[in-house]
Amino acid sequence: MTEFDHRLDDAARALGERLPNLDARLDDAVMATVRQRRRPGRGRAGWRWFVEPRSVRVRPVWAAAGLAAAAALVIWIGRPTHDAPPTVVASQRTTDTVYVHFALTSPAAHQVSIAGSFNGWDAAALSLRKDVNGVWEATVPLPVGEHRYQFVVDGQRWVKDPSAQSEADDGFGGTNSVIVVGPKGVVRS
């Protein structure tokens, strides 16, 4: 302790010694007055919860409802603020992104999408649009690198890209189309 701390401690003791001794019944009288002034009504249980937390019991059904409400709030806050169209793969353009045009001629198809290593092989993530000649097309932003992919026709039939110049084993006894994207465009399709 410093000298200042010692002087402060001594001054506090001297002040305490000069205070008159209070009757112990004073505390009981003050608390009795406080208890009489309690307001009956809705706020009483809430006040008791702050003062005497053991007197309030939370029923399990209310705890579950509270947790469900909190989870719903977290999900609601984390939701996207707008719906992105299904053909968007990347939401941000970077210098390492190249726009690649995919096309498949299939006039009899009702729906065509593309699934690959760039979208987690999600057959529903990237739909192609059909033109009047029966050519299904989409322009996709792809990061620089090698990507494996296939077209998905009518949600069931997986088809290699007939215009791709490279293929690779898919690990299931078939092959995937391969495209290699460089910083200035497609290096090899």
C-alpha atoms as a PDB file:
ATOM      1  CA  MET A   1       0.000   0.000   0.000  1.00  0.00           C
ATOM      2  CA  THR A   2       1.133   3.517  -0.719  1.00  0.00           C
ATOM      3  CA  GLU A   3       1.228   6.296   1.826  1.00  0.00           C
ATOM      4  CA  PHE A   4      -1.917   7.777   0.279  1.00  0.00           C
ATOM      5  CA  ASP A   5      -3.747   4.441   0.730  1.00  0.00           C
ATOM      6  CA  HIS A   6      -2.722   4.316   4.408  1.00  0.00           C
ATOM      7  CA  ARG A   7      -3.937   7.855   5.025  1.00  0.00           C
ATOM      8  CA  LEU A   8      -7.232   7.123   3.268  1.00  0.00           C
ATOM      9  CA  ASP A   9      -7.716   3.947   5.320  1.00  0.00           C
ATOM     10  CA  ASP A  10      -7.004   5.828   8.579  1.00  0.00           C
ATOM     11  CA  ALA A  11      -9.461   8.606   7.655  1.00  0.00           C
ATOM     12  CA  ALA A  12     -12.195   6.057   6.907  1.00  0.00           C
ATOM     13  CA  ARG A  13     -11.675   4.345  10.256  1.00  0.00           C
ATOM     14  CA  ALA A  14     -11.765   7.693  12.130  1.00  0.00           C
ATOM     15  CA  LEU A  15     -15.027   8.607  10.366  1.00  0.00           C
ATOM     16  CA  GLY A  16     -16.554   5.240  11.216  1.00  0.00           C
ATOM     17  CA  GLU A  17     -15.673   5.679  14.891  1.00  0.00           C
ATOM     18  CA  ARG A  18     -17.441   9.048  14.997  1.00  0.00           C
ATOM     19  CA  LEU A  19     -20.729   7.682  13.621  1.00  0.00           C
ATOM     20  CA  PRO A  20     -23.368   7.017  16.271  1.00  0.00           C
ATOM     21  CA  ASN A  21     -24.345   3.419  16.951  1.00  0.00           C
ATOM     22  CA  LEU A  22     -27.773   2.673  15.511  1.00  0.00           C
ATOM     23  CA  ASP A  23     -30.341   0.532  17.196  1.00  0.00           C
ATOM     24  CA  ALA A  24     -30.659  -2.931  15.562  1.00  0.00           C
ATOM     25  CA  ARG A  25     -34.451  -2.513  15.524  1.00  0.00           C
ATOM     26  CA  LEU A  26     -34.100   0.314  12.971  1.00  0.00           C
ATOM     27  CA  ASP A  27     -33.321  -2.197  10.181  1.00  0.00           C
ATOM     28  CA  ASP A  28     -36.475  -4.184  11.028  1.00  0.00           C
ATOM     29  CA  ALA A  29     -38.605  -1.014  11.063  1.00  0.00           C
ATOM     30  CA  VAL A  30     -37.302   0.133   7.654  1.00  0.00           C
ATOM     31  CA  MET A  31     -37.926  -3.281   6.066  1.00  0.00           C
ATOM     32  CA  ALA A  32     -41.447  -3.440   7.534  1.00  0.00           C
ATOM     33  CA  THR A  33     -42.228  -0.078   5.939  1.00  0.00           C
ATOM     34  CA  VAL A  34     -40.885  -1.228   2.580  1.00  0.00           C
ATOM     35  CA  ARG A  35     -42.981  -4.405   2.690  1.00  0.00           C
ATOM     36  CA  GLN A  36     -46.137  -2.405   3.416  1.00  0.00           C
ATOM     37  CA  ARG A  37     -45.559  -0.144   0.416  1.00  0.00           C
ATOM     38  CA  ARG A  38     -45.429  -2.998  -2.136  1.00  0.00           C
ATOM     39  CA  ARG A  39     -47.820  -2.424  -4.970  1.00  0.00           C
ATOM     40  CA  PRO A  40     -50.104  -5.318  -5.715  1.00  0.00           C
ATOM     41  CA  GLY A  41     -50.433  -6.236  -9.366  1.00  0.00           C
ATOM     42  CA  ARG A  42     -48.512  -7.411 -12.378  1.00  0.00           C
ATOM     43  CA  GLY A  43     -45.085  -6.007 -11.524  1.00  0.00           C
ATOM     44  CA  ARG A  44     -44.844  -7.882  -8.247  1.00  0.00           C
ATOM     45  CA  ALA A  45     -43.757 -11.232  -9.724  1.00  0.00           C
ATOM     46  CA  GLY A  46     -41.116  -9.557 -11.873  1.00  0.00           C
ATOM     47  CA  TRP A  47     -39.728  -7.642  -8.890  1.00  0.00           C
ATOM     48  CA  ARG A  48     -39.682 -10.819  -6.821  1.00  0.00           C
ATOM     49  CA  TRP A  49     -37.724 -12.533  -9.611  1.00  0.00           C
ATOM     50  CA  PHE A  50     -34.976  -9.889  -9.328  1.00  0.00           C
ATOM     51  CA  VAL A  51     -34.943  -9.879  -5.534  1.00  0.00           C
ATOM     52  CA  GLU A  52     -35.626 -13.559  -4.827  1.00  0.00           C
ATOM     53  CA  PRO A  53     -34.661 -15.539  -7.962  1.00  0.00           C
ATOM     54  CA  ARG A  54     -35.305 -18.908  -6.283  1.00  0.00           C
ATOM     55  CA  SER A  55     -39.000 -18.169  -5.821  1.00  0.00           C
ATOM     56  CA  VAL A  56     -39.780 -18.205  -9.554  1.00  0.00           C
ATOM     57  CA  ARG A  57     -39.909 -21.488 -11.424  1.00  0.00           C
ATOM     58  CA  VAL A  58     -39.677 -21.724 -15.189  1.00  0.00           C
ATOM     59  CA  ARG A  59     -41.906 -24.400 -16.590  1.00  0.00           C
ATOM     60  CA  PRO A  60     -40.282 -26.626 -19.235  1.00  0.00           C
ATOM     61  CA  VAL A  61     -42.918 -25.766 -21.837  1.00  0.00           C
ATOM     62  CA  TRP A  62     -42.081 -22.052 -21.550  1.00  0.00           C
ATOM     63  CA  ALA A  63     -38.355 -22.770 -21.709  1.00  0.00           C
ATOM     64  CA  ALA A  64     -38.859 -24.758 -24.936  1.00  0.00           C
ATOM     65  CA  ALA A  65     -41.041 -22.013 -26.396  1.00  0.00           C
ATOM     66  CA  GLY A  66     -38.414 -19.412 -25.528  1.00  0.00           C
ATOM     67  CA  LEU A  67     -35.637 -21.442 -27.148  1.00  0.00           C
ATOM     68  CA  ALA A  68     -37.766 -21.980 -30.273  1.00  0.00           C
ATOM     69  CA  ALA A  69     -38.461 -18.240 -30.495  1.00  0.00           C
ATOM     70  CA  ALA A  70     -34.744 -17.465 -30.108  1.00  0.00           C
ATOM     71  CA  ALA A  71     -33.847 -19.986 -32.837  1.00  0.00           C
ATOM     72  CA  ALA A  72     -36.476 -18.528 -35.171  1.00  0.00           C
ATOM     73  CA  LEU A  73     -35.074 -15.052 -34.567  1.00  0.00           C
ATOM     74  CA  VAL A  74     -31.526 -16.203 -35.373  1.00  0.00           C
ATOM     75  CA  ILE A  75     -32.727 -17.859 -38.598  1.00  0.00           C
ATOM     76  CA  TRP A  76     -34.771 -14.808 -39.569  1.00  0.00           C
ATOM     77  CA  ILE A  77     -31.860 -12.446 -38.989  1.00  0.00           C
ATOM     78  CA  GLY A  78     -29.479 -14.673 -40.975  1.00  0.00           C
ATOM     79  CA  ARG A  79     -31.731 -15.025 -44.020  1.00  0.00           C
ATOM     80  CA  PRO A  80     -30.692 -13.374 -47.275  1.00  0.00           C
ATOM     81  CA  THR A  81     -32.278 -10.012 -47.916  1.00  0.00           C
ATOM     82  CA  HIS A  82     -33.061 -10.817 -51.547  1.00  0.00           C
ATOM     83  CA  ASP A  83     -33.680 -13.910 -53.631  1.00  0.00           C
ATOM     84  CA  ALA A  84     -30.875 -14.578 -56.067  1.00  0.00           C
ATOM     85  CA  PRO A  85     -31.910 -16.036 -59.415  1.00  0.00           C
ATOM     86  CA  PRO A  86     -31.108 -19.749 -59.706  1.00  0.00           C
ATOM     87  CA  THR A  87     -28.636 -19.186 -62.532  1.00  0.00           C
ATOM     88  CA  VAL A  88     -26.240 -17.171 -60.366  1.00  0.00           C
ATOM     89  CA  VAL A  89     -23.291 -19.189 -59.144  1.00  0.00           C
ATOM     90  CA  ALA A  90     -21.044 -16.467 -57.761  1.00  0.00           C
ATOM     91  CA  SER A  91     -22.393 -13.331 -56.190  1.00  0.00           C
ATOM     92  CA  GLN A  92     -19.121 -11.386 -56.308  1.00  0.00           C
ATOM     93  CA  ARG A  93     -16.825 -10.792 -59.215  1.00  0.00           C
ATOM     94  CA  THR A  94     -13.132 -11.061 -58.579  1.00  0.00           C
ATOM     95  CA  THR A  95     -10.115 -10.788 -60.819  1.00  0.00           C
ATOM     96  CA  ASP A  96      -9.880 -14.594 -60.696  1.00  0.00           C
ATOM     97  CA  THR A  97     -13.364 -15.090 -62.161  1.00  0.00           C
ATOM     98  CA  VAL A  98     -14.043 -15.747 -65.834  1.00  0.00           C
ATOM     99  CA  TYR A  99     -17.464 -15.908 -67.493  1.00  0.00           C
ATOM    100  CA  VAL A 100     -17.835 -19.199 -69.347  1.00  0.00           C
ATOM    101  CA  HIS A 101     -20.616 -19.947 -71.851  1.00  0.00           C
ATOM    102  CA  PHE A 102     -22.095 -23.462 -71.698  1.00  0.00           C
ATOM    103  CA  ALA A 103     -24.429 -24.821 -74.386  1.00  0.00           C
ATOM    104  CA  LEU A 104     -26.146 -28.147 -75.092  1.00  0.00           C
ATOM    105  CA  THR A 105     -28.347 -28.904 -78.092  1.00  0.00           C
ATOM    106  CA  SER A 106     -31.317 -30.945 -76.884  1.00  0.00           C
ATOM    107  CA  PRO A 107     -34.610 -29.827 -78.499  1.00  0.00           C
ATOM    108  CA  ALA A 108     -36.668 -32.629 -76.880  1.00  0.00           C
ATOM    109  CA  ALA A 109     -35.564 -31.797 -73.324  1.00  0.00           C
ATOM    110  CA  HIS A 110     -37.965 -30.054 -70.951  1.00  0.00           C
ATOM    111  CA  GLN A 111     -35.282 -28.911 -68.496  1.00  0.00           C
ATOM    112  CA  VAL A 112     -31.478 -28.802 -68.531  1.00  0.00           C
ATOM    113  CA  SER A 113     -29.132 -27.799 -65.743  1.00  0.00           C
ATOM    114  CA  ILE A 114     -25.415 -28.051 -65.158  1.00  0.00           C
ATOM    115  CA  ALA A 115     -23.786 -29.670 -62.156  1.00  0.00           C
ATOM    116  CA  GLY A 116     -20.098 -29.666 -61.428  1.00  0.00           C
ATOM    117  CA  SER A 117     -17.256 -29.183 -59.035  1.00  0.00           C
ATOM    118  CA  PHE A 118     -17.939 -25.429 -59.108  1.00  0.00           C
ATOM    119  CA  ASN A 119     -21.447 -25.765 -57.570  1.00  0.00           C
ATOM    120  CA  GLY A 120     -21.105 -28.827 -55.333  1.00  0.00           C
ATOM    121  CA  TRP A 121     -22.591 -31.120 -57.996  1.00  0.00           C
ATOM    122  CA  ASP A 122     -26.022 -29.672 -57.236  1.00  0.00           C
ATOM    123  CA  ALA A 123     -28.227 -30.584 -60.215  1.00  0.00           C
ATOM    124  CA  ALA A 124     -30.779 -27.903 -59.285  1.00  0.00           C
ATOM    125  CA  ALA A 125     -28.349 -25.036 -58.656  1.00  0.00           C
ATOM    126  CA  LEU A 126     -27.842 -23.828 -62.243  1.00  0.00           C
ATOM    127  CA  SER A 127     -30.628 -24.038 -64.825  1.00  0.00           C
ATOM    128  CA  LEU A 128     -29.964 -23.382 -68.499  1.00  0.00           C
ATOM    129  CA  ARG A 129     -32.343 -21.452 -70.798  1.00  0.00           C
ATOM    130  CA  LYS A 130     -33.649 -22.850 -74.067  1.00  0.00           C
ATOM    131  CA  ASP A 131     -33.559 -20.801 -77.252  1.00  0.00           C
ATOM    132  CA  VAL A 132     -35.862 -21.209 -80.277  1.00  0.00           C
ATOM    133  CA  ASN A 133     -33.481 -23.734 -81.903  1.00  0.00           C
ATOM    134  CA  GLY A 134     -33.516 -26.121 -78.929  1.00  0.00           C
ATOM    135  CA  VAL A 135     -30.103 -25.041 -77.638  1.00  0.00           C
ATOM    136  CA  TRP A 136     -29.859 -24.796 -73.857  1.00  0.00           C
ATOM    137  CA  GLU A 137     -27.438 -22.057 -72.714  1.00  0.00           C
ATOM    138  CA  ALA A 138     -26.025 -20.357 -69.647  1.00  0.00           C
ATOM    139  CA  THR A 139     -23.097 -18.059 -68.956  1.00  0.00           C
ATOM    140  CA  VAL A 140     -21.475 -18.949 -65.654  1.00  0.00           C
ATOM    141  CA  PRO A 141     -18.824 -17.074 -63.654  1.00  0.00           C
ATOM    142  CA  LEU A 142     -16.110 -19.630 -62.822  1.00  0.00           C
ATOM    143  CA  PRO A 143     -13.011 -19.196 -60.705  1.00  0.00           C
ATOM    144  CA  VAL A 144      -9.639 -19.823 -62.291  1.00  0.00           C
ATOM    145  CA  GLY A 145      -8.780 -23.524 -62.192  1.00  0.00           C
ATOM    146  CA  GLU A 146      -9.886 -26.921 -63.435  1.00  0.00           C
ATOM    147  CA  HIS A 147     -13.588 -27.800 -63.200  1.00  0.00           C
ATOM    148  CA  ARG A 148     -15.420 -31.046 -63.851  1.00  0.00           C
ATOM    149  CA  TYR A 149     -19.070 -30.973 -64.875  1.00  0.00           C
ATOM    150  CA  GLN A 150     -22.000 -32.638 -66.636  1.00  0.00           C
ATOM    151  CA  PHE A 151     -25.352 -31.494 -67.977  1.00  0.00           C
ATOM    152  CA  VAL A 152     -28.452 -32.871 -66.235  1.00  0.00           C
ATOM    153  CA  VAL A 153     -31.324 -33.381 -68.685  1.00  0.00           C
ATOM    154  CA  ASP A 154     -34.881 -33.493 -67.307  1.00  0.00           C
ATOM    155  CA  GLY A 155     -33.547 -33.960 -63.786  1.00  0.00           C
ATOM    156  CA  GLN A 156     -32.458 -37.571 -64.402  1.00  0.00           C
ATOM    157  CA  ARG A 157     -30.067 -38.088 -67.284  1.00  0.00           C
ATOM    158  CA  TRP A 158     -26.459 -36.938 -66.787  1.00  0.00           C
ATOM    159  CA  VAL A 159     -24.810 -36.023 -70.105  1.00  0.00           C
ATOM    160  CA  LYS A 160     -21.184 -35.145 -70.878  1.00  0.00           C
ATOM    161  CA  ASP A 161     -20.578 -31.946 -72.801  1.00  0.00           C
ATOM    162  CA  PRO A 162     -20.176 -33.011 -76.465  1.00  0.00           C
ATOM    163  CA  SER A 163     -18.076 -29.899 -77.158  1.00  0.00           C
ATOM    164  CA  ALA A 164     -15.603 -30.549 -74.317  1.00  0.00           C
ATOM    165  CA  GLN A 165     -12.131 -31.539 -75.456  1.00  0.00           C
ATOM    166  CA  SER A 166     -11.145 -33.107 -72.126  1.00  0.00           C
ATOM    167  CA  GLU A 167     -12.692 -35.770 -69.939  1.00  0.00           C
ATOM    168  CA  ALA A 168     -11.774 -37.287 -66.584  1.00  0.00           C
ATOM    169  CA  ASP A 169     -12.810 -40.396 -64.675  1.00  0.00           C
ATOM    170  CA  ASP A 170     -15.735 -39.631 -62.342  1.00  0.00           C
ATOM    171  CA  GLY A 171     -14.873 -42.412 -59.866  1.00  0.00           C
ATOM    172  CA  PHE A 172     -18.151 -44.226 -60.580  1.00  0.00           C
ATOM    173  CA  GLY A 173     -17.237 -45.952 -63.823  1.00  0.00           C
ATOM    174  CA  GLY A 174     -18.063 -42.969 -66.062  1.00  0.00           C
ATOM    175  CA  THR A 175     -16.429 -39.754 -67.177  1.00  0.00           C
ATOM    176  CA  ASN A 176     -16.980 -36.065 -66.561  1.00  0.00           C
ATOM    177  CA  SER A 177     -16.334 -33.190 -68.924  1.00  0.00           C
ATOM    178  CA  VAL A 178     -13.387 -31.004 -67.896  1.00  0.00           C
ATOM    179  CA  ILE A 179     -12.849 -27.301 -68.435  1.00  0.00           C
ATOM    180  CA  VAL A 180      -9.703 -25.405 -67.439  1.00  0.00           C
ATOM    181  CA  VAL A 181     -10.129 -21.674 -66.815  1.00  0.00           C
ATOM    182  CA  GLY A 182      -7.170 -19.292 -66.798  1.00  0.00           C
ATOM    183  CA  PRO A 183      -7.047 -15.632 -65.740  1.00  0.00           C
ATOM    184  CA  LYS A 184      -7.719 -14.515 -69.327  1.00  0.00           C
ATOM    185  CA  GLY A 185     -10.384 -17.070 -70.270  1.00  0.00           C
ATOM    186  CA  VAL A 186     -10.883 -20.736 -71.048  1.00  0.00           C
ATOM    187  CA  VAL A 187      -7.581 -22.506 -71.471  1.00  0.00           C
ATOM    188  CA  ARG A 188      -9.029 -25.898 -72.380  1.00  0.00           C
ATOM    189  CA  SER A 189     -12.566 -27.182 -72.561  1.00  0.00           C
END
